Amino acid sequence: MSKVVFLLAPQLHLLDLAGPAQVFSSAADLGHPYEIHFVGERESIRTAQGLELRAATEWPPLAADDLVMVPGWRSRVPREHERGRPQDNGRLEQATLDRLTAHHAAGGTVASICAGADALGRAGLLDGRRCTTHHDLQEELARRYPRATVLRDVLYVVDDRLITSAGIASGIDLALHLIAVRHGPYDAARVARAMVVYARRNGDEQQASVMLRHRAHLSDAVHRAQDLIDGGYTGTLALADLAAAVGVSERTLTRRFVTVTGLTPLRYQQELRIEHAEHLIAQGGTAEAAARAVGFQDARMLRRLRAARSTAAATEAPPAGHPAPVSPRARPANSPVAAVK
């Protein structure tokens, strides 16, 4: 069983803690073995919002598969005359910071949310690494830790088992990323859906998984159809069977699917196949083997769809916040979802 240990510092923000904790709790509800711990340097920790939290002062034994997370705290960039003065907000003893360093050195993952990146900097973990923090604190973080490379305009940054995230809500994105890495994007999408949050992409990477990118909606029928397609994208799924499984007509399912994802069910399945095939090719597989592994009869259809997608991305890029246009030649509602082989 993997442990997720939250280190609680004085004046921590509730959402910095509650968001990621809920992600791992929801993952545990799906059957993944997570044990959540809350530790601090004293038993009573007052949050920035005024709520008193109880923390254990003894750390559990940690293994390389365990995760330590440092939620951020109420912080502001100090004025010139305040620099160098100790502040209670976020204060941690050197012995606690040494625990972070030791866990990372032993092969473990250490993560921070918002101002929590400062604790990683004090522990020496940011030196020579890329990182981020809340946009109001980025200049100060760069000033304090000049050997770190502070990235702007990203939700989170991953560098050698060290993960830092930006503002308060981005802790949820960070935690969803960890679930996707450990258990796959399908389960990360299920957690995001259970929490009714957007499974947003990391601004530091080219794109998010298809499973995550098209889950940012609230249509229960479409989510259930996506669950079925996600679990059987290599096979042939009839639209009639999908519609019956979610309790709507074929026409209604297609209309709702296009409305919230910008794709038909067939196109969504094709995107899954293409993405998984590209992953196999990147791992050294041939195009022919990858195409057959994801459900195509041969590589010709894979090449044709990849070329069509590249052309569409170059010529039909939609405005930000709008779904991609749907081809007027989209497959009829009564055709199989996965007739392409």
Protein backbone atom coordinates (compact mmCIF):
# COMPACT_ATOMS: atom_id res chain seq x y z
CA MET A 1 0.00 0.00 0.00
CA SER A 2 1.38 3.39 -1.02
CA LYS A 3 1.42 6.22 1.50
CA VAL A 4 0.58 9.81 0.67
CA VAL A 5 1.96 12.05 3.41
CA PHE A 6 0.84 15.68 3.62
CA LEU A 7 3.23 17.93 5.52
CA LEU A 8 1.15 20.62 7.25
CA ALA A 9 2.88 23.96 7.81
CA PRO A 10 1.47 26.93 9.75
CA GLN A 11 -1.12 29.00 7.88
CA LEU A 12 -1.55 26.43 5.11
CA HIS A 13 -4.37 26.96 2.64
CA LEU A 14 -7.25 24.50 3.03
CA LEU A 15 -7.73 23.93 -0.68
CA ASP A 16 -4.02 23.25 -1.17
CA LEU A 17 -4.54 20.33 1.17
CA ALA A 18 -8.13 19.28 0.53
CA GLY A 19 -7.95 19.17 -3.29
CA PRO A 20 -5.05 16.70 -3.64
CA ALA A 21 -6.21 14.73 -0.60
CA GLN A 22 -9.62 14.26 -2.23
CA VAL A 23 -7.97 13.04 -5.45
CA PHE A 24 -6.08 10.27 -3.64
CA SER A 25 -9.09 9.46 -1.48
CA SER A 26 -11.22 9.07 -4.61
CA ALA A 27 -8.52 6.90 -6.17
CA ALA A 28 -8.63 4.71 -3.07
CA ASP A 29 -12.40 4.44 -3.51
CA LEU A 30 -11.69 3.01 -6.99
CA GLY A 31 -9.61 0.28 -5.40
CA HIS A 32 -6.10 1.72 -5.55
CA PRO A 33 -4.24 1.11 -2.28
CA TYR A 34 -3.53 4.55 -0.83
CA GLU A 35 -3.04 5.34 2.83
CA ILE A 36 -3.25 9.07 3.58
CA HIS A 37 -1.30 10.64 6.47
CA PHE A 38 -1.14 14.19 7.81
CA VAL A 39 2.01 15.20 9.70
CA GLY A 40 3.30 18.43 11.20
CA GLU A 41 5.80 19.80 13.66
CA ARG A 42 3.03 20.26 16.19
CA GLU A 43 -0.31 18.60 16.72
CA SER A 44 -2.44 21.71 16.19
CA ILE A 45 -2.01 23.51 12.87
CA ARG A 46 -3.95 26.69 12.21
CA THR A 47 -4.88 27.23 8.56
CA ALA A 48 -4.98 30.52 6.70
CA GLN A 49 -8.77 30.24 6.75
CA GLY A 50 -8.85 29.98 10.56
CA LEU A 51 -9.63 26.27 10.90
CA GLU A 52 -7.51 24.28 13.35
CA LEU A 53 -6.25 20.95 12.01
CA ARG A 54 -4.81 18.01 13.92
CA ALA A 55 -1.59 16.47 12.67
CA ALA A 56 0.59 13.58 13.73
CA THR A 57 4.04 14.62 14.92
CA GLU A 58 5.55 11.21 14.14
CA TRP A 59 6.18 10.38 10.49
CA PRO A 60 5.23 6.96 9.16
CA PRO A 61 8.05 4.86 7.65
CA LEU A 62 8.43 5.75 3.98
CA ALA A 63 9.35 3.66 0.94
CA ALA A 64 10.31 4.72 -2.58
CA ASP A 65 6.73 4.26 -3.82
CA ASP A 66 5.39 6.71 -1.24
CA LEU A 67 4.60 10.36 -1.92
CA VAL A 68 5.23 13.41 0.26
CA MET A 69 3.21 16.53 -0.53
CA VAL A 70 3.73 20.03 0.87
CA PRO A 71 0.58 22.20 0.64
CA GLY A 72 1.16 25.93 0.34
CA TRP A 73 0.42 28.58 2.92
CA ARG A 74 -0.67 32.18 3.07
CA SER A 75 2.26 34.03 1.70
CA ARG A 76 3.13 37.32 0.12
CA VAL A 77 6.27 38.72 -1.38
CA PRO A 78 8.07 40.47 1.51
CA ARG A 79 8.81 44.18 1.31
CA GLU A 80 12.46 45.18 1.11
CA HIS A 81 12.75 45.92 4.84
CA GLU A 82 11.12 42.56 5.70
CA ARG A 83 13.49 40.36 3.75
CA GLY A 84 15.55 38.09 5.94
CA ARG A 85 13.11 38.23 8.85
CA PRO A 86 11.65 34.91 10.01
CA GLN A 87 7.95 34.37 9.37
CA ASP A 88 5.72 31.82 11.07
CA ASN A 89 3.78 31.20 7.85
CA GLY A 90 5.21 28.05 6.32
CA ARG A 91 8.03 27.82 8.85
CA LEU A 92 9.58 24.35 9.06
CA GLU A 93 12.56 23.18 11.07
CA GLN A 94 15.68 21.95 9.32
CA ALA A 95 15.05 18.42 10.57
CA THR A 96 11.72 18.42 8.72
CA LEU A 97 13.30 19.77 5.54
CA ASP A 98 15.94 17.04 5.82
CA ARG A 99 13.14 14.45 5.73
CA LEU A 100 12.05 15.80 2.34
CA THR A 101 15.61 15.59 1.02
CA ALA A 102 16.12 12.08 2.41
CA HIS A 103 12.87 10.76 0.92
CA HIS A 104 13.76 12.10 -2.52
CA ALA A 105 17.30 10.74 -2.27
CA ALA A 106 15.87 7.32 -1.42
CA GLY A 107 13.87 7.27 -4.68
CA GLY A 108 10.64 8.81 -3.41
CA THR A 109 8.51 11.54 -4.97
CA VAL A 110 8.18 14.96 -3.34
CA ALA A 111 5.54 17.45 -4.48
CA SER A 112 4.46 20.95 -3.54
CA ILE A 113 1.41 23.08 -4.10
CA CYS A 114 1.63 26.85 -4.49
CA ALA A 115 3.94 28.41 -1.85
CA GLY A 116 4.98 24.93 -0.71
CA ALA A 117 7.72 25.16 -3.34
CA ASP A 118 9.62 27.38 -0.91
CA ALA A 119 9.99 24.45 1.49
CA LEU A 120 11.49 22.39 -1.32
CA GLY A 121 13.86 25.25 -2.05
CA ARG A 122 14.95 25.46 1.59
CA ALA A 123 15.54 21.71 1.49
CA GLY A 124 17.87 22.17 -1.47
CA LEU A 125 15.62 20.18 -3.80
CA LEU A 126 15.11 22.97 -6.35
CA ASP A 127 18.78 23.44 -7.13
CA GLY A 128 19.44 22.62 -10.77
CA ARG A 129 15.80 21.74 -11.41
CA ARG A 130 12.79 23.28 -13.14
CA CYS A 131 9.90 24.31 -10.91
CA THR A 132 6.93 26.64 -10.56
CA THR A 133 4.75 28.26 -7.92
CA HIS A 134 1.89 30.76 -7.64
CA HIS A 135 2.31 33.57 -10.16
CA ASP A 136 2.52 36.17 -7.39
CA LEU A 137 5.47 34.31 -5.84
CA GLN A 138 7.48 33.32 -8.91
CA GLU A 139 9.87 36.28 -8.87
CA GLU A 140 10.57 35.81 -5.17
CA LEU A 141 11.14 32.08 -5.60
CA ALA A 142 13.63 32.78 -8.40
CA ARG A 143 15.39 35.37 -6.24
CA ARG A 144 15.68 33.05 -3.25
CA TYR A 145 16.84 30.03 -5.24
CA PRO A 146 18.89 31.28 -8.18
CA ARG A 147 20.05 27.76 -9.08
CA ALA A 148 16.44 26.80 -9.84
CA THR A 149 14.71 27.45 -13.16
CA VAL A 150 11.29 28.91 -12.36
CA LEU A 151 8.76 28.37 -15.17
CA ARG A 152 5.84 30.74 -15.70
CA ASP A 153 2.36 30.04 -17.05
CA VAL A 154 2.28 26.31 -16.30
CA LEU A 155 0.03 24.32 -14.00
CA TYR A 156 2.76 22.06 -12.70
CA VAL A 157 6.31 20.99 -13.50
CA VAL A 158 7.80 17.50 -13.18
CA ASP A 159 11.58 17.19 -12.81
CA ASP A 160 13.25 14.04 -11.47
CA ARG A 161 10.51 12.93 -9.04
CA LEU A 162 10.13 16.53 -7.89
CA ILE A 163 6.76 18.06 -8.78
CA THR A 164 5.79 21.66 -8.14
CA SER A 165 2.45 23.24 -8.96
CA ALA A 166 1.20 26.77 -9.40
CA GLY A 167 -1.82 28.36 -7.71
CA ILE A 168 -4.12 26.72 -5.22
CA ALA A 169 -6.46 24.75 -7.51
CA SER A 170 -3.55 23.43 -9.59
CA GLY A 171 -2.81 20.99 -6.77
CA ILE A 172 -5.76 19.00 -8.08
CA ASP A 173 -4.20 18.94 -11.56
CA LEU A 174 -0.92 17.77 -10.06
CA ALA A 175 -2.62 14.98 -8.14
CA LEU A 176 -4.59 13.88 -11.22
CA HIS A 177 -1.32 13.77 -13.15
CA LEU A 178 0.14 11.44 -10.52
CA ILE A 179 -2.90 9.17 -10.73
CA ALA A 180 -2.57 9.09 -14.53
CA VAL A 181 1.13 8.20 -14.30
CA ARG A 182 0.60 5.51 -11.71
CA HIS A 183 -2.68 4.00 -12.85
CA GLY A 184 -3.35 5.30 -16.35
CA PRO A 185 -5.38 8.20 -17.79
CA TYR A 186 -8.61 6.20 -17.65
CA ASP A 187 -8.60 6.07 -13.85
CA ALA A 188 -7.45 9.69 -13.66
CA ALA A 189 -10.46 10.63 -15.79
CA ARG A 190 -12.73 8.60 -13.51
CA VAL A 191 -11.41 10.46 -10.46
CA ALA A 192 -11.83 13.82 -12.19
CA ARG A 193 -15.37 12.89 -13.13
CA ALA A 194 -16.18 11.81 -9.56
CA MET A 195 -14.91 15.16 -8.29
CA VAL A 196 -16.72 17.09 -11.06
CA VAL A 197 -13.56 18.94 -12.02
CA TYR A 198 -11.84 19.67 -15.30
CA ALA A 199 -9.02 17.28 -16.04
CA ARG A 200 -6.86 20.05 -17.43
CA ARG A 201 -3.65 19.66 -19.36
CA ASN A 202 -0.25 20.68 -18.13
CA GLY A 203 0.81 23.89 -19.86
CA ASP A 204 4.41 22.61 -19.83
CA GLU A 205 3.61 19.72 -22.15
CA GLN A 206 2.34 19.48 -25.72
CA GLN A 207 -1.01 17.94 -24.88
CA ALA A 208 -2.92 15.81 -22.40
CA SER A 209 -4.26 12.34 -22.95
CA VAL A 210 -7.32 12.03 -25.17
CA MET A 211 -9.13 10.43 -22.24
CA LEU A 212 -8.51 13.50 -20.09
CA ARG A 213 -8.81 16.17 -22.76
CA HIS A 214 -12.39 15.26 -23.70
CA ARG A 215 -13.71 14.72 -20.17
CA ALA A 216 -14.17 18.39 -19.26
CA HIS A 217 -17.97 18.29 -19.38
CA LEU A 218 -20.95 17.38 -17.20
CA SER A 219 -22.95 15.07 -19.49
CA ASP A 220 -23.46 11.84 -17.57
CA ALA A 221 -24.64 9.94 -20.64
CA VAL A 222 -21.56 10.91 -22.62
CA HIS A 223 -19.25 10.08 -19.70
CA ARG A 224 -20.78 6.61 -19.48
CA ALA A 225 -20.41 6.13 -23.23
CA GLN A 226 -16.79 7.25 -22.97
CA ASP A 227 -16.22 4.74 -20.18
CA LEU A 228 -17.38 1.97 -22.51
CA ILE A 229 -15.27 3.21 -25.42
CA ASP A 230 -12.22 3.73 -23.22
CA GLY A 231 -12.47 0.16 -22.01
CA GLY A 232 -12.99 -1.37 -25.46
CA TYR A 233 -11.47 0.98 -28.01
CA THR A 234 -9.60 -1.83 -29.79
CA GLY A 235 -12.82 -3.65 -30.64
CA THR A 236 -15.93 -2.94 -32.68
CA LEU A 237 -18.62 -1.13 -30.71
CA ALA A 238 -22.00 -0.55 -32.33
CA LEU A 239 -23.54 2.87 -31.71
CA ALA A 240 -26.86 1.15 -31.00
CA ASP A 241 -25.26 -0.86 -28.20
CA LEU A 242 -23.63 2.22 -26.71
CA ALA A 243 -26.87 4.18 -26.79
CA ALA A 244 -28.79 1.31 -25.21
CA ALA A 245 -26.18 0.98 -22.47
CA VAL A 246 -26.51 4.63 -21.45
CA GLY A 247 -30.27 4.77 -21.89
CA VAL A 248 -30.67 7.24 -24.77
CA SER A 249 -31.37 7.02 -28.48
CA GLU A 250 -28.54 6.77 -31.01
CA ARG A 251 -29.32 10.23 -32.36
CA THR A 252 -29.40 11.76 -28.87
CA LEU A 253 -26.12 10.16 -27.89
CA THR A 254 -24.38 11.37 -31.05
CA ARG A 255 -25.76 14.89 -30.64
CA ARG A 256 -24.70 15.13 -26.99
CA PHE A 257 -21.31 13.61 -27.71
CA VAL A 258 -20.55 16.16 -30.43
CA THR A 259 -21.86 19.03 -28.30
CA VAL A 260 -19.60 18.39 -25.30
CA THR A 261 -16.49 16.89 -26.94
CA GLY A 262 -16.50 18.23 -30.49
CA LEU A 263 -16.19 14.62 -31.72
CA THR A 264 -18.51 11.85 -32.83
CA PRO A 265 -18.22 8.60 -30.84
CA LEU A 266 -16.39 7.08 -33.82
CA ARG A 267 -13.90 9.93 -33.99
CA TYR A 268 -13.33 9.72 -30.23
CA GLN A 269 -12.50 6.02 -30.57
CA GLN A 270 -10.19 6.76 -33.48
CA GLU A 271 -8.37 9.38 -31.41
CA LEU A 272 -7.83 6.82 -28.65
CA ARG A 273 -6.47 4.32 -31.15
CA ILE A 274 -4.14 6.86 -32.74
CA GLU A 275 -2.79 8.03 -29.39
CA HIS A 276 -2.10 4.51 -28.17
CA ALA A 277 -0.53 3.56 -31.50
CA GLU A 278 1.76 6.59 -31.35
CA HIS A 279 2.80 5.58 -27.85
CA LEU A 280 3.70 2.09 -29.07
CA ILE A 281 5.65 3.52 -31.99
CA ALA A 282 7.52 5.88 -29.65
CA GLN A 283 8.50 2.82 -27.59
CA GLY A 284 10.15 1.29 -30.65
CA GLY A 285 7.28 -0.66 -32.23
CA THR A 286 6.58 -0.68 -35.95
CA ALA A 287 3.61 1.16 -37.41
CA GLU A 288 2.16 -2.14 -38.60
CA ALA A 289 2.39 -3.79 -35.18
CA ALA A 290 1.05 -0.70 -33.42
CA ALA A 291 -1.89 -0.43 -35.82
CA ARG A 292 -2.91 -4.05 -35.24
CA ALA A 293 -2.47 -3.73 -31.47
CA VAL A 294 -4.99 -0.90 -31.27
CA GLY A 295 -7.58 -2.51 -33.53
CA PHE A 296 -6.78 -1.51 -37.12
CA GLN A 297 -6.35 -4.25 -39.72
CA ASP A 298 -3.10 -2.71 -40.96
CA ALA A 299 -1.04 0.47 -40.85
CA ARG A 300 -2.70 2.12 -43.87
CA MET A 301 -5.71 3.34 -41.91
CA LEU A 302 -3.47 4.52 -39.07
CA ARG A 303 -1.33 6.55 -41.46
CA ARG A 304 -4.38 8.00 -43.16
CA LEU A 305 -5.99 9.09 -39.88
CA ARG A 306 -2.75 10.54 -38.53
CA ALA A 307 -2.29 12.54 -41.72
CA ALA A 308 -5.89 13.75 -41.64
CA ARG A 309 -5.53 14.81 -38.01
CA SER A 310 -2.34 16.75 -38.75
CA THR A 311 -4.02 18.52 -41.67
CA ALA A 312 -7.09 19.37 -39.58
CA ALA A 313 -4.93 20.72 -36.76
CA ALA A 314 -3.13 23.01 -39.19
CA THR A 315 -6.17 24.30 -41.08
CA GLU A 316 -9.13 24.06 -38.72
CA ALA A 317 -7.78 25.07 -35.32
CA PRO A 318 -10.84 26.39 -33.39
CA PRO A 319 -10.78 29.48 -31.18
CA ALA A 320 -9.75 28.87 -27.58
CA GLY A 321 -12.58 27.44 -25.53
CA HIS A 322 -14.54 26.10 -28.53
CA PRO A 323 -14.81 22.48 -29.64
CA ALA A 324 -13.22 21.35 -32.87
CA PRO A 325 -15.55 21.53 -35.89
CA VAL A 326 -17.25 18.32 -36.89
CA SER A 327 -16.95 17.15 -40.47
CA PRO A 328 -20.23 17.37 -42.41
CA ARG A 329 -19.39 13.91 -43.72
CA ALA A 330 -19.43 12.41 -40.21
CA ARG A 331 -20.65 8.86 -40.03
CA PRO A 332 -24.44 8.46 -39.82
CA ALA A 333 -25.90 7.96 -36.36
CA ASN A 334 -26.96 4.39 -37.15
CA SER A 335 -23.50 3.22 -38.26
CA PRO A 336 -21.11 1.23 -36.07
CA VAL A 337 -18.89 3.28 -33.78
CA ALA A 338 -15.83 1.29 -34.77
CA ALA A 339 -16.39 -0.08 -38.23
CA VAL A 340 -12.95 1.11 -39.34
CA LYS A 341 -10.41 -1.71 -39.43
